[in-house]
């Protein structure tokens, strides 16, 4: 999934485009700096990371998902570093009943044992 970066946060494509529209409606210009204006969209959920990434709009995300009965920001489907895979495996060991962790394990095709 494509992602936008704005003020040190990651946003799904839908939320990023909404931010761009809102800022443009208020007269803001794209300076090329993610501190001032959303940058993107970038492929692969913003790129490889040490943890699974979700839209930072959280429960207010335009494309929020329901995982285990809980509303969460859209999953950005970013690739994981080896540390990221270890993070997901450790999360599974720590919270084996977590629907969100199981969601990550399934997406990344990691061993569930």
PDB file of N, CA and C in Angstrom:
ATOM      1  N   UNK A   1       0.848  -1.172   0.000  1.00  0.00           N
ATOM      2  CA  UNK A   1       0.000   0.000   0.000  1.00  0.00           C
ATOM      3  C   UNK A   1       0.896   1.239   0.000  1.00  0.00           C
ATOM      4  N   UNK A   2       0.476   2.238  -0.720  1.00  0.00           N
ATOM      5  CA  UNK A   2       1.238   3.484  -0.746  1.00  0.00           C
ATOM      6  C   UNK A   2       0.994   4.284   0.535  1.00  0.00           C
ATOM      7  N   UNK A   3       1.989   5.069   0.912  1.00  0.00           N
ATOM      8  CA  UNK A   3       1.910   5.847   2.148  1.00  0.00           C
ATOM      9  C   UNK A   3       2.454   7.253   1.941  1.00  0.00           C
ATOM     10  N   UNK A   4       1.967   8.148   2.751  1.00  0.00           N
ATOM     11  CA  UNK A   4       2.459   9.525   2.804  1.00  0.00           C
ATOM     12  C   UNK A   4       3.178   9.730   4.130  1.00  0.00           C
ATOM     13  N   UNK A   5       4.150  10.623   4.125  1.00  0.00           N
ATOM     14  CA  UNK A   5       4.868  11.007   5.344  1.00  0.00           C
ATOM     15  C   UNK A   5       4.547  12.471   5.600  1.00  0.00           C
ATOM     16  N   UNK A   6       4.155  12.768   6.850  1.00  0.00           N
ATOM     17  CA  UNK A   6       3.840  14.152   7.223  1.00  0.00           C
ATOM     18  C   UNK A   6       4.100  14.321   8.713  1.00  0.00           C
ATOM     19  N   UNK A   7       4.971  15.247   9.026  1.00  0.00           N
ATOM     20  CA  UNK A   7       5.304  15.583  10.413  1.00  0.00           C
ATOM     21  C   UNK A   7       5.628  14.331  11.237  1.00  0.00           C
ATOM     22  N   UNK A   8       6.557  13.531  10.705  1.00  0.00           N
ATOM     23  CA  UNK A   8       7.084  12.331  11.355  1.00  0.00           C
ATOM     24  C   UNK A   8       6.047  11.231  11.563  1.00  0.00           C
ATOM     25  N   UNK A   9       4.976  11.259  10.782  1.00  0.00           N
ATOM     26  CA  UNK A   9       3.951  10.220  10.860  1.00  0.00           C
ATOM     27  C   UNK A   9       3.730   9.629   9.468  1.00  0.00           C
ATOM     28  N   UNK A  10       3.257   8.391   9.443  1.00  0.00           N
ATOM     29  CA  UNK A  10       2.913   7.728   8.188  1.00  0.00           C
ATOM     30  C   UNK A  10       1.394   7.670   8.058  1.00  0.00           C
ATOM     31  N   UNK A  11       0.919   7.927   6.851  1.00  0.00           N
ATOM     32  CA  UNK A  11      -0.520   7.905   6.581  1.00  0.00           C
ATOM     33  C   UNK A  11      -0.793   7.043   5.359  1.00  0.00           C
ATOM     34  N   UNK A  12      -1.915   6.326   5.383  1.00  0.00           N
ATOM     35  CA  UNK A  12      -2.326   5.561   4.216  1.00  0.00           C
ATOM     36  C   UNK A  12      -2.628   6.532   3.077  1.00  0.00           C
ATOM     37  N   UNK A  13      -2.752   5.995   1.885  1.00  0.00           N
ATOM     38  CA  UNK A  13      -2.999   6.841   0.712  1.00  0.00           C
ATOM     39  C   UNK A  13      -4.247   7.709   0.906  1.00  0.00           C
ATOM     40  N   UNK A  14      -5.345   7.123   1.395  1.00  0.00           N
ATOM     41  CA  UNK A  14      -6.590   7.879   1.561  1.00  0.00           C
ATOM     42  C   UNK A  14      -6.425   9.040   2.539  1.00  0.00           C
ATOM     43  N   UNK A  15      -5.809   8.788   3.673  1.00  0.00           N
ATOM     44  CA  UNK A  15      -5.611   9.854   4.670  1.00  0.00           C
ATOM     45  C   UNK A  15      -4.601  10.882   4.174  1.00  0.00           C
ATOM     46  N   UNK A  16      -3.549  10.418   3.500  1.00  0.00           N
ATOM     47  CA  UNK A  16      -2.552  11.332   2.952  1.00  0.00           C
ATOM     48  C   UNK A  16      -3.160  12.267   1.928  1.00  0.00           C
ATOM     49  N   UNK A  17      -3.983  11.728   1.039  1.00  0.00           N
ATOM     50  CA  UNK A  17      -4.635  12.568   0.031  1.00  0.00           C
ATOM     51  C   UNK A  17      -5.607  13.542   0.669  1.00  0.00           C
ATOM     52  N   UNK A  18      -6.293  13.121   1.728  1.00  0.00           N
ATOM     53  CA  UNK A  18      -7.198  14.023   2.451  1.00  0.00           C
ATOM     54  C   UNK A  18      -6.412  15.167   3.103  1.00  0.00           C
ATOM     55  N   UNK A  19      -5.246  14.845   3.676  1.00  0.00           N
ATOM     56  CA  UNK A  19      -4.397  15.889   4.260  1.00  0.00           C
ATOM     57  C   UNK A  19      -3.932  16.877   3.192  1.00  0.00           C
ATOM     58  N   UNK A  20      -3.524  16.362   2.038  1.00  0.00           N
ATOM     59  CA  UNK A  20      -3.078  17.229   0.938  1.00  0.00           C
ATOM     60  C   UNK A  20      -4.205  18.163   0.534  1.00  0.00           C
ATOM     61  N   UNK A  21      -5.409  17.629   0.327  1.00  0.00           N
ATOM     62  CA  UNK A  21      -6.559  18.467  -0.068  1.00  0.00           C
ATOM     63  C   UNK A  21      -6.840  19.542   0.976  1.00  0.00           C
ATOM     64  N   UNK A  22      -6.858  19.133   2.247  1.00  0.00           N
ATOM     65  CA  UNK A  22      -7.147  20.081   3.330  1.00  0.00           C
ATOM     66  C   UNK A  22      -6.109  21.205   3.382  1.00  0.00           C
ATOM     67  N   UNK A  23      -4.845  20.847   3.289  1.00  0.00           N
ATOM     68  CA  UNK A  23      -3.793  21.867   3.342  1.00  0.00           C
ATOM     69  C   UNK A  23      -3.844  22.790   2.119  1.00  0.00           C
ATOM     70  N   UNK A  24      -4.102  22.223   0.963  1.00  0.00           N
ATOM     71  CA  UNK A  24      -4.216  23.057  -0.248  1.00  0.00           C
ATOM     72  C   UNK A  24      -5.407  23.997  -0.148  1.00  0.00           C
ATOM     73  N   UNK A  25      -6.533  23.501   0.393  1.00  0.00           N
ATOM     74  CA  UNK A  25      -7.719  24.342   0.585  1.00  0.00           C
ATOM     75  C   UNK A  25      -7.424  25.515   1.513  1.00  0.00           C
ATOM     76  N   UNK A  26      -6.469  25.320   2.418  1.00  0.00           N
ATOM     77  CA  UNK A  26      -6.086  26.393   3.349  1.00  0.00           C
ATOM     78  C   UNK A  26      -4.951  27.251   2.800  1.00  0.00           C
ATOM     79  N   UNK A  27      -4.553  26.973   1.557  1.00  0.00           N
ATOM     80  CA  UNK A  27      -3.540  27.799   0.913  1.00  0.00           C
ATOM     81  C   UNK A  27      -2.106  27.369   1.125  1.00  0.00           C
ATOM     82  N   UNK A  28      -1.905  26.213   1.735  1.00  0.00           N
ATOM     83  CA  UNK A  28      -0.532  25.728   1.956  1.00  0.00           C
ATOM     84  C   UNK A  28       0.061  25.262   0.635  1.00  0.00           C
ATOM     85  N   UNK A  29       1.368  25.432   0.513  1.00  0.00           N
ATOM     86  CA  UNK A  29       2.078  24.977  -0.675  1.00  0.00           C
ATOM     87  C   UNK A  29       3.047  23.860  -0.299  1.00  0.00           C
ATOM     88  N   UNK A  30       3.274  22.981  -1.257  1.00  0.00           N
ATOM     89  CA  UNK A  30       4.200  21.875  -1.051  1.00  0.00           C
ATOM     90  C   UNK A  30       5.627  22.405  -1.135  1.00  0.00           C
ATOM     91  N   UNK A  31       6.304  22.426   0.005  1.00  0.00           N
ATOM     92  CA  UNK A  31       7.685  22.909   0.064  1.00  0.00           C
ATOM     93  C   UNK A  31       8.689  21.800  -0.218  1.00  0.00           C
ATOM     94  N   UNK A  32       8.196  20.571  -0.308  1.00  0.00           N
ATOM     95  CA  UNK A  32       9.089  19.434  -0.468  1.00  0.00           C
ATOM     96  C   UNK A  32       9.601  18.899   0.862  1.00  0.00           C
ATOM     97  N   UNK A  33       9.161  19.494   1.957  1.00  0.00           N
ATOM     98  CA  UNK A  33       9.581  19.101   3.309  1.00  0.00           C
ATOM     99  C   UNK A  33       8.395  18.458   4.018  1.00  0.00           C
ATOM    100  N   UNK A  34       8.577  17.236   4.497  1.00  0.00           N
ATOM    101  CA  UNK A  34       7.481  16.528   5.152  1.00  0.00           C
ATOM    102  C   UNK A  34       7.061  17.157   6.482  1.00  0.00           C
ATOM    103  N   UNK A  35       7.838  18.095   7.001  1.00  0.00           N
ATOM    104  CA  UNK A  35       7.400  18.824   8.190  1.00  0.00           C
ATOM    105  C   UNK A  35       6.322  19.840   7.838  1.00  0.00           C
ATOM    106  N   UNK A  36       6.318  20.301   6.576  1.00  0.00           N
ATOM    107  CA  UNK A  36       5.397  21.350   6.148  1.00  0.00           C
ATOM    108  C   UNK A  36       4.204  20.840   5.355  1.00  0.00           C
ATOM    109  N   UNK A  37       4.412  19.755   4.627  1.00  0.00           N
ATOM    110  CA  UNK A  37       3.389  19.287   3.694  1.00  0.00           C
ATOM    111  C   UNK A  37       3.577  17.787   3.483  1.00  0.00           C
ATOM    112  N   UNK A  38       2.473  17.010   3.386  1.00  0.00           N
ATOM    113  CA  UNK A  38       2.606  15.562   3.177  1.00  0.00           C
ATOM    114  C   UNK A  38       3.415  15.245   1.925  1.00  0.00           C
ATOM    115  N   UNK A  39       4.338  14.300   2.051  1.00  0.00           N
ATOM    116  CA  UNK A  39       5.165  13.868   0.932  1.00  0.00           C
ATOM    117  C   UNK A  39       4.782  12.431   0.567  1.00  0.00           C
ATOM    118  N   UNK A  40       4.737  12.170  -0.720  1.00  0.00           N
ATOM    119  CA  UNK A  40       4.382  10.847  -1.188  1.00  0.00           C
ATOM    120  C   UNK A  40       3.479  10.956  -2.394  1.00  0.00           C
ATOM    121  N   UNK A  41       2.848   9.890  -2.760  1.00  0.00           N
ATOM    122  CA  UNK A  41       2.859   8.623  -2.041  1.00  0.00           C
ATOM    123  C   UNK A  41       4.119   7.809  -2.318  1.00  0.00           C
ATOM    124  N   UNK A  42       4.526   7.054  -1.300  1.00  0.00           N
ATOM    125  CA  UNK A  42       5.676   6.166  -1.392  1.00  0.00           C
ATOM    126  C   UNK A  42       5.176   4.726  -1.432  1.00  0.00           C
ATOM    127  N   UNK A  43       5.825   3.864  -2.218  1.00  0.00           N
ATOM    128  CA  UNK A  43       5.400   2.465  -2.289  1.00  0.00           C
ATOM    129  C   UNK A  43       5.757   1.690  -1.029  1.00  0.00           C
ATOM    130  N   UNK A  44       5.195   0.524  -0.940  1.00  0.00           N
ATOM    131  CA  UNK A  44       5.533  -0.437   0.130  1.00  0.00           C
ATOM    132  C   UNK A  44       5.342   0.121   1.535  1.00  0.00           C
ATOM    133  N   UNK A  45       4.262   0.869   1.742  1.00  0.00           N
ATOM    134  CA  UNK A  45       3.965   1.362   3.077  1.00  0.00           C
ATOM    135  C   UNK A  45       5.025   2.277   3.647  1.00  0.00           C
ATOM    136  N   UNK A  46       5.758   2.949   2.776  1.00  0.00           N
ATOM    137  CA  UNK A  46       6.815   3.837   3.219  1.00  0.00           C
ATOM    138  C   UNK A  46       8.170   3.154   3.286  1.00  0.00           C
ATOM    139  N   UNK A  47       8.195   1.853   3.031  1.00  0.00           N
ATOM    140  CA  UNK A  47       9.473   1.134   2.997  1.00  0.00           C
ATOM    141  C   UNK A  47       9.696   0.234   4.195  1.00  0.00           C
ATOM    142  N   UNK A  48      10.815  -0.446   4.130  1.00  0.00           N
ATOM    143  CA  UNK A  48      11.203  -1.429   5.142  1.00  0.00           C
ATOM    144  C   UNK A  48      11.314  -0.776   6.519  1.00  0.00           C
ATOM    145  N   UNK A  49      10.816  -1.486   7.532  1.00  0.00           N
ATOM    146  CA  UNK A  49      10.847  -0.948   8.897  1.00  0.00           C
ATOM    147  C   UNK A  49      11.041  -2.070   9.910  1.00  0.00           C
ATOM    148  N   UNK A  50      11.321  -1.678  11.135  1.00  0.00           N
ATOM    149  CA  UNK A  50      11.537  -2.628  12.231  1.00  0.00           C
ATOM    150  C   UNK A  50      10.252  -3.071  12.904  1.00  0.00           C
ATOM    151  N   UNK A  51       9.116  -2.545  12.470  1.00  0.00           N
ATOM    152  CA  UNK A  51       7.808  -2.951  12.992  1.00  0.00           C
ATOM    153  C   UNK A  51       6.780  -2.856  11.874  1.00  0.00           C
ATOM    154  N   UNK A  52       5.684  -3.591  11.986  1.00  0.00           N
ATOM    155  CA  UNK A  52       4.593  -3.405  11.041  1.00  0.00           C
ATOM    156  C   UNK A  52       4.038  -1.982  11.206  1.00  0.00           C
ATOM    157  N   UNK A  53       3.691  -1.359  10.095  1.00  0.00           N
ATOM    158  CA  UNK A  53       3.211   0.019  10.138  1.00  0.00           C
ATOM    159  C   UNK A  53       1.720   0.093   9.796  1.00  0.00           C
ATOM    160  N   UNK A  54       1.027   0.944  10.547  1.00  0.00           N
ATOM    161  CA  UNK A  54      -0.388   1.234  10.300  1.00  0.00           C
ATOM    162  C   UNK A  54      -0.519   2.741  10.158  1.00  0.00           C
ATOM    163  N   UNK A  55      -1.569   3.175   9.482  1.00  0.00           N
ATOM    164  CA  UNK A  55      -1.816   4.608   9.323  1.00  0.00           C
ATOM    165  C   UNK A  55      -1.870   5.265  10.697  1.00  0.00           C
ATOM    166  N   UNK A  56      -1.146   6.361  10.837  1.00  0.00           N
ATOM    167  CA  UNK A  56      -1.081   7.056  12.118  1.00  0.00           C
ATOM    168  C   UNK A  56      -2.355   7.833  12.466  1.00  0.00           C
ATOM    169  N   UNK A  57      -3.355   7.810  11.587  1.00  0.00           N
ATOM    170  CA  UNK A  57      -4.647   8.378  11.964  1.00  0.00           C
ATOM    171  C   UNK A  57      -5.418   7.434  12.878  1.00  0.00           C
ATOM    172  N   UNK A  58      -4.906   6.222  13.049  1.00  0.00           N
ATOM    173  CA  UNK A  58      -5.499   5.263  13.986  1.00  0.00           C
ATOM    174  C   UNK A  58      -6.977   5.032  13.741  1.00  0.00           C
ATOM    175  N   UNK A  59      -7.761   5.138  14.788  1.00  0.00           N
ATOM    176  CA  UNK A  59      -9.198   4.867  14.671  1.00  0.00           C
ATOM    177  C   UNK A  59      -9.908   5.882  13.779  1.00  0.00           C
ATOM    178  N   UNK A  60      -9.287   7.014  13.530  1.00  0.00           N
ATOM    179  CA  UNK A  60      -9.877   8.041  12.659  1.00  0.00           C
ATOM    180  C   UNK A  60      -9.470   7.875  11.198  1.00  0.00           C
ATOM    181  N   UNK A  61      -8.689   6.859  10.892  1.00  0.00           N
ATOM    182  CA  UNK A  61      -8.216   6.595   9.534  1.00  0.00           C
ATOM    183  C   UNK A  61      -9.401   6.424   8.588  1.00  0.00           C
ATOM    184  N   UNK A  62      -9.308   7.053   7.429  1.00  0.00           N
ATOM    185  CA  UNK A  62     -10.351   6.945   6.410  1.00  0.00           C
ATOM    186  C   UNK A  62     -10.544   5.492   5.993  1.00  0.00           C
ATOM    187  N   UNK A  63      -9.465   4.729   5.926  1.00  0.00           N
ATOM    188  CA  UNK A  63      -9.511   3.331   5.487  1.00  0.00           C
ATOM    189  C   UNK A  63      -9.243   2.372   6.652  1.00  0.00           C
ATOM    190  N   UNK A  64      -9.655   2.756   7.861  1.00  0.00           N
ATOM    191  CA  UNK A  64      -9.403   1.928   9.046  1.00  0.00           C
ATOM    192  C   UNK A  64      -9.924   0.508   8.843  1.00  0.00           C
ATOM    193  N   UNK A  65      -9.284  -0.425   9.519  1.00  0.00           N
ATOM    194  CA  UNK A  65      -9.663  -1.827   9.446  1.00  0.00           C
ATOM    195  C   UNK A  65     -10.133  -2.285  10.818  1.00  0.00           C
ATOM    196  N   UNK A  66     -10.973  -3.300  10.824  1.00  0.00           N
ATOM    197  CA  UNK A  66     -11.404  -3.929  12.071  1.00  0.00           C
ATOM    198  C   UNK A  66     -10.616  -5.227  12.210  1.00  0.00           C
ATOM    199  N   UNK A  67      -9.831  -5.317  13.265  1.00  0.00           N
ATOM    200  CA  UNK A  67      -9.033  -6.519  13.533  1.00  0.00           C
ATOM    201  C   UNK A  67      -9.390  -6.982  14.940  1.00  0.00           C
ATOM    202  N   UNK A  68      -9.954  -8.163  15.037  1.00  0.00           N
ATOM    203  CA  UNK A  68     -10.339  -8.689  16.348  1.00  0.00           C
ATOM    204  C   UNK A  68     -11.356  -7.815  17.044  1.00  0.00           C
ATOM    205  N   UNK A  69     -12.241  -7.196  16.279  1.00  0.00           N
ATOM    206  CA  UNK A  69     -13.278  -6.340  16.853  1.00  0.00           C
ATOM    207  C   UNK A  69     -12.803  -4.942  17.216  1.00  0.00           C
ATOM    208  N   UNK A  70     -11.545  -4.636  16.915  1.00  0.00           N
ATOM    209  CA  UNK A  70     -10.972  -3.327  17.247  1.00  0.00           C
ATOM    210  C   UNK A  70     -10.641  -2.559  15.976  1.00  0.00           C
ATOM    211  N   UNK A  71     -10.959  -1.292  15.942  1.00  0.00           N
ATOM    212  CA  UNK A  71     -10.675  -0.441  14.787  1.00  0.00           C
ATOM    213  C   UNK A  71      -9.223   0.041  14.875  1.00  0.00           C
ATOM    214  N   UNK A  72      -8.469  -0.181  13.797  1.00  0.00           N
ATOM    215  CA  UNK A  72      -7.059   0.236  13.737  1.00  0.00           C
ATOM    216  C   UNK A  72      -6.807   0.934  12.408  1.00  0.00           C
ATOM    217  N   UNK A  73      -5.799   1.773  12.369  1.00  0.00           N
ATOM    218  CA  UNK A  73      -5.421   2.435  11.131  1.00  0.00           C
ATOM    219  C   UNK A  73      -5.098   1.412  10.060  1.00  0.00           C
ATOM    220  N   UNK A  74      -5.324   1.782   8.807  1.00  0.00           N
ATOM    221  CA  UNK A  74      -5.061   0.880   7.686  1.00  0.00           C
ATOM    222  C   UNK A  74      -3.648   0.314   7.784  1.00  0.00           C
ATOM    223  N   UNK A  75      -3.527  -0.969   7.542  1.00  0.00           N
ATOM    224  CA  UNK A  75      -2.230  -1.634   7.539  1.00  0.00           C
ATOM    225  C   UNK A  75      -1.498  -1.214   6.275  1.00  0.00           C
ATOM    226  N   UNK A  76      -0.278  -0.716   6.414  1.00  0.00           N
ATOM    227  CA  UNK A  76       0.472  -0.176   5.283  1.00  0.00           C
ATOM    228  C   UNK A  76       1.256  -1.234   4.507  1.00  0.00           C
ATOM    229  N   UNK A  77       1.255  -2.465   5.000  1.00  0.00           N
ATOM    230  CA  UNK A  77       1.868  -3.599   4.300  1.00  0.00           C
ATOM    231  C   UNK A  77       3.341  -3.382   3.977  1.00  0.00           C
ATOM    232  N   UNK A  78       4.037  -2.706   4.870  1.00  0.00           N
ATOM    233  CA  UNK A  78       5.464  -2.451   4.665  1.00  0.00           C
ATOM    234  C   UNK A  78       6.283  -3.720   4.841  1.00  0.00           C
ATOM    235  N   UNK A  79       7.380  -3.843   4.093  1.00  0.00           N
ATOM    236  CA  UNK A  79       8.291  -4.960   4.342  1.00  0.00           C
ATOM    237  C   UNK A  79       9.001  -4.775   5.683  1.00  0.00           C
ATOM    238  N   UNK A  80       9.426  -5.877   6.251  1.00  0.00           N
ATOM    239  CA  UNK A  80      10.117  -5.836   7.548  1.00  0.00           C
ATOM    240  C   UNK A  80      11.608  -6.131   7.393  1.00  0.00           C
ATOM    241  N   UNK A  81      12.385  -5.490   8.245  1.00  0.00           N
ATOM    242  CA  UNK A  81      13.796  -5.844   8.393  1.00  0.00           C
ATOM    243  C   UNK A  81      13.852  -7.162   9.170  1.00  0.00           C
ATOM    244  N   UNK A  82      15.030  -7.733   9.322  1.00  0.00           N
ATOM    245  CA  UNK A  82      15.154  -8.936  10.156  1.00  0.00           C
ATOM    246  C   UNK A  82      14.774  -8.606  11.600  1.00  0.00           C
ATOM    247  N   UNK A  83      15.090  -7.400  12.058  1.00  0.00           N
ATOM    248  CA  UNK A  83      14.655  -6.974  13.403  1.00  0.00           C
ATOM    249  C   UNK A  83      13.132  -6.890  13.470  1.00  0.00           C
ATOM    250  N   UNK A  84      12.515  -6.464  12.389  1.00  0.00           N
ATOM    251  CA  UNK A  84      11.054  -6.387  12.336  1.00  0.00           C
ATOM    252  C   UNK A  84      10.419  -7.762  12.422  1.00  0.00           C
ATOM    253  N   UNK A  85      10.999  -8.729  11.709  1.00  0.00           N
ATOM    254  CA  UNK A  85      10.484 -10.092  11.810  1.00  0.00           C
ATOM    255  C   UNK A  85      10.645 -10.618  13.228  1.00  0.00           C
ATOM    256  N   UNK A  86      11.776 -10.330  13.855  1.00  0.00           N
ATOM    257  CA  UNK A  86      11.997 -10.738  15.247  1.00  0.00           C
ATOM    258  C   UNK A  86      10.978 -10.065  16.167  1.00  0.00           C
ATOM    259  N   UNK A  87      10.669  -8.801  15.881  1.00  0.00           N
ATOM    260  CA  UNK A  87       9.668  -8.068  16.680  1.00  0.00           C
ATOM    261  C   UNK A  87       8.313  -8.767  16.605  1.00  0.00           C
ATOM    262  N   UNK A  88       7.892  -9.142  15.398  1.00  0.00           N
ATOM    263  CA  UNK A  88       6.596  -9.807  15.240  1.00  0.00           C
ATOM    264  C   UNK A  88       6.606 -11.154  15.944  1.00  0.00           C
ATOM    265  N   UNK A  89       7.681 -11.918  15.798  1.00  0.00           N
ATOM    266  CA  UNK A  89       7.768 -13.221  16.478  1.00  0.00           C
ATOM    267  C   UNK A  89       7.731 -13.056  18.006  1.00  0.00           C
ATOM    268  N   UNK A  90       8.453 -12.050  18.514  1.00  0.00           N
ATOM    269  CA  UNK A  90       8.448 -11.806  19.959  1.00  0.00           C
ATOM    270  C   UNK A  90       7.068 -11.353  20.423  1.00  0.00           C
ATOM    271  N   UNK A  91       6.405 -10.535  19.615  1.00  0.00           N
ATOM    272  CA  UNK A  91       5.039 -10.096  19.946  1.00  0.00           C
ATOM    273  C   UNK A  91       4.105 -11.294  20.024  1.00  0.00           C
ATOM    274  N   UNK A  92       4.276 -12.246  19.114  1.00  0.00           N
ATOM    275  CA  UNK A  92       3.459 -13.448  19.136  1.00  0.00           C
ATOM    276  C   UNK A  92       3.741 -14.268  20.398  1.00  0.00           C
ATOM    277  N   UNK A  93       5.007 -14.374  20.784  1.00  0.00           N
ATOM    278  CA  UNK A  93       5.362 -15.107  22.004  1.00  0.00           C
ATOM    279  C   UNK A  93       4.795 -14.408  23.244  1.00  0.00           C
ATOM    280  N   UNK A  94       4.837 -13.066  23.237  1.00  0.00           N
ATOM    281  CA  UNK A  94       4.365 -12.294  24.396  1.00  0.00           C
ATOM    282  C   UNK A  94       2.851 -12.233  24.489  1.00  0.00           C
ATOM    283  N   UNK A  95       2.183 -12.152  23.336  1.00  0.00           N
ATOM    284  CA  UNK A  95       0.722 -11.996  23.312  1.00  0.00           C
ATOM    285  C   UNK A  95       0.120 -12.907  22.241  1.00  0.00           C
ATOM    286  N   UNK A  96       0.180 -14.227  22.481  1.00  0.00           N
ATOM    287  CA  UNK A  96      -0.259 -15.176  21.456  1.00  0.00           C
ATOM    288  C   UNK A  96      -1.732 -15.051  21.075  1.00  0.00           C
ATOM    289  N   UNK A  97      -2.539 -14.477  21.934  1.00  0.00           N
ATOM    290  CA  UNK A  97      -3.968 -14.332  21.648  1.00  0.00           C
ATOM    291  C   UNK A  97      -4.330 -13.035  20.951  1.00  0.00           C
ATOM    292  N   UNK A  98      -3.360 -12.186  20.684  1.00  0.00           N
ATOM    293  CA  UNK A  98      -3.650 -10.888  20.069  1.00  0.00           C
ATOM    294  C   UNK A  98      -4.062 -11.044  18.605  1.00  0.00           C
ATOM    295  N   UNK A  99      -5.280 -10.616  18.258  1.00  0.00           N
ATOM    296  CA  UNK A  99      -5.703 -10.683  16.866  1.00  0.00           C
ATOM    297  C   UNK A  99      -4.813  -9.841  15.948  1.00  0.00           C
ATOM    298  N   UNK A 100      -4.338  -8.709  16.431  1.00  0.00           N
ATOM    299  CA  UNK A 100      -3.492  -7.857  15.598  1.00  0.00           C
ATOM    300  C   UNK A 100      -2.154  -8.529  15.308  1.00  0.00           C
ATOM    301  N   UNK A 101      -1.563  -9.148  16.312  1.00  0.00           N
ATOM    302  CA  UNK A 101      -0.291  -9.846  16.110  1.00  0.00           C
ATOM    303  C   UNK A 101      -0.499 -11.015  15.146  1.00  0.00           C
ATOM    304  N   UNK A 102      -1.571 -11.748  15.302  1.00  0.00           N
ATOM    305  CA  UNK A 102      -1.854 -12.856  14.385  1.00  0.00           C
ATOM    306  C   UNK A 102      -2.062 -12.343  12.952  1.00  0.00           C
ATOM    307  N   UNK A 103      -2.677 -11.184  12.830  1.00  0.00           N
ATOM    308  CA  UNK A 103      -2.854 -10.532  11.527  1.00  0.00           C
ATOM    309  C   UNK A 103      -1.492 -10.283  10.886  1.00  0.00           C
ATOM    310  N   UNK A 104      -0.550  -9.735  11.663  1.00  0.00           N
ATOM    311  CA  UNK A 104       0.801  -9.485  11.141  1.00  0.00           C
ATOM    312  C   UNK A 104       1.487 -10.790  10.747  1.00  0.00           C
ATOM    313  N   UNK A 105       1.410 -11.796  11.632  1.00  0.00           N
ATOM    314  CA  UNK A 105       2.058 -13.084  11.384  1.00  0.00           C
ATOM    315  C   UNK A 105       1.551 -13.669  10.069  1.00  0.00           C
ATOM    316  N   UNK A 106       0.241 -13.615   9.869  1.00  0.00           N
ATOM    317  CA  UNK A 106      -0.342 -14.160   8.640  1.00  0.00           C
ATOM    318  C   UNK A 106       0.129 -13.366   7.420  1.00  0.00           C
ATOM    319  N   UNK A 107       0.091 -12.044   7.516  1.00  0.00           N
ATOM    320  CA  UNK A 107       0.515 -11.216   6.379  1.00  0.00           C
ATOM    321  C   UNK A 107       1.962 -11.490   5.986  1.00  0.00           C
ATOM    322  N   UNK A 108       2.833 -11.564   6.962  1.00  0.00           N
ATOM    323  CA  UNK A 108       4.252 -11.737   6.683  1.00  0.00           C
ATOM    324  C   UNK A 108       4.647 -13.200   6.485  1.00  0.00           C
ATOM    325  N   UNK A 109       3.689 -14.113   6.672  1.00  0.00           N
ATOM    326  CA  UNK A 109       3.982 -15.524   6.458  1.00  0.00           C
ATOM    327  C   UNK A 109       4.998 -16.077   7.422  1.00  0.00           C
ATOM    328  N   UNK A 110       4.958 -15.579   8.662  1.00  0.00           N
ATOM    329  CA  UNK A 110       5.932 -16.033   9.674  1.00  0.00           C
ATOM    330  C   UNK A 110       5.396 -17.265  10.390  1.00  0.00           C
ATOM    331  N   UNK A 111       6.307 -18.084  10.880  1.00  0.00           N
ATOM    332  CA  UNK A 111       5.969 -19.300  11.601  1.00  0.00           C
ATOM    333  C   UNK A 111       5.147 -18.940  12.817  1.00  0.00           C
ATOM    334  N   UNK A 112       4.002 -19.606  12.977  1.00  0.00           N
ATOM    335  CA  UNK A 112       3.101 -19.320  14.103  1.00  0.00           C
ATOM    336  C   UNK A 112       3.317 -20.240  15.284  1.00  0.00           C
ATOM    337  N   UNK A 113       4.295 -21.108  15.234  1.00  0.00           N
ATOM    338  CA  UNK A 113       4.492 -22.052  16.358  1.00  0.00           C
ATOM    339  C   UNK A 113       5.302 -21.436  17.464  1.00  0.00           C
TER     340      UNK A 113
END
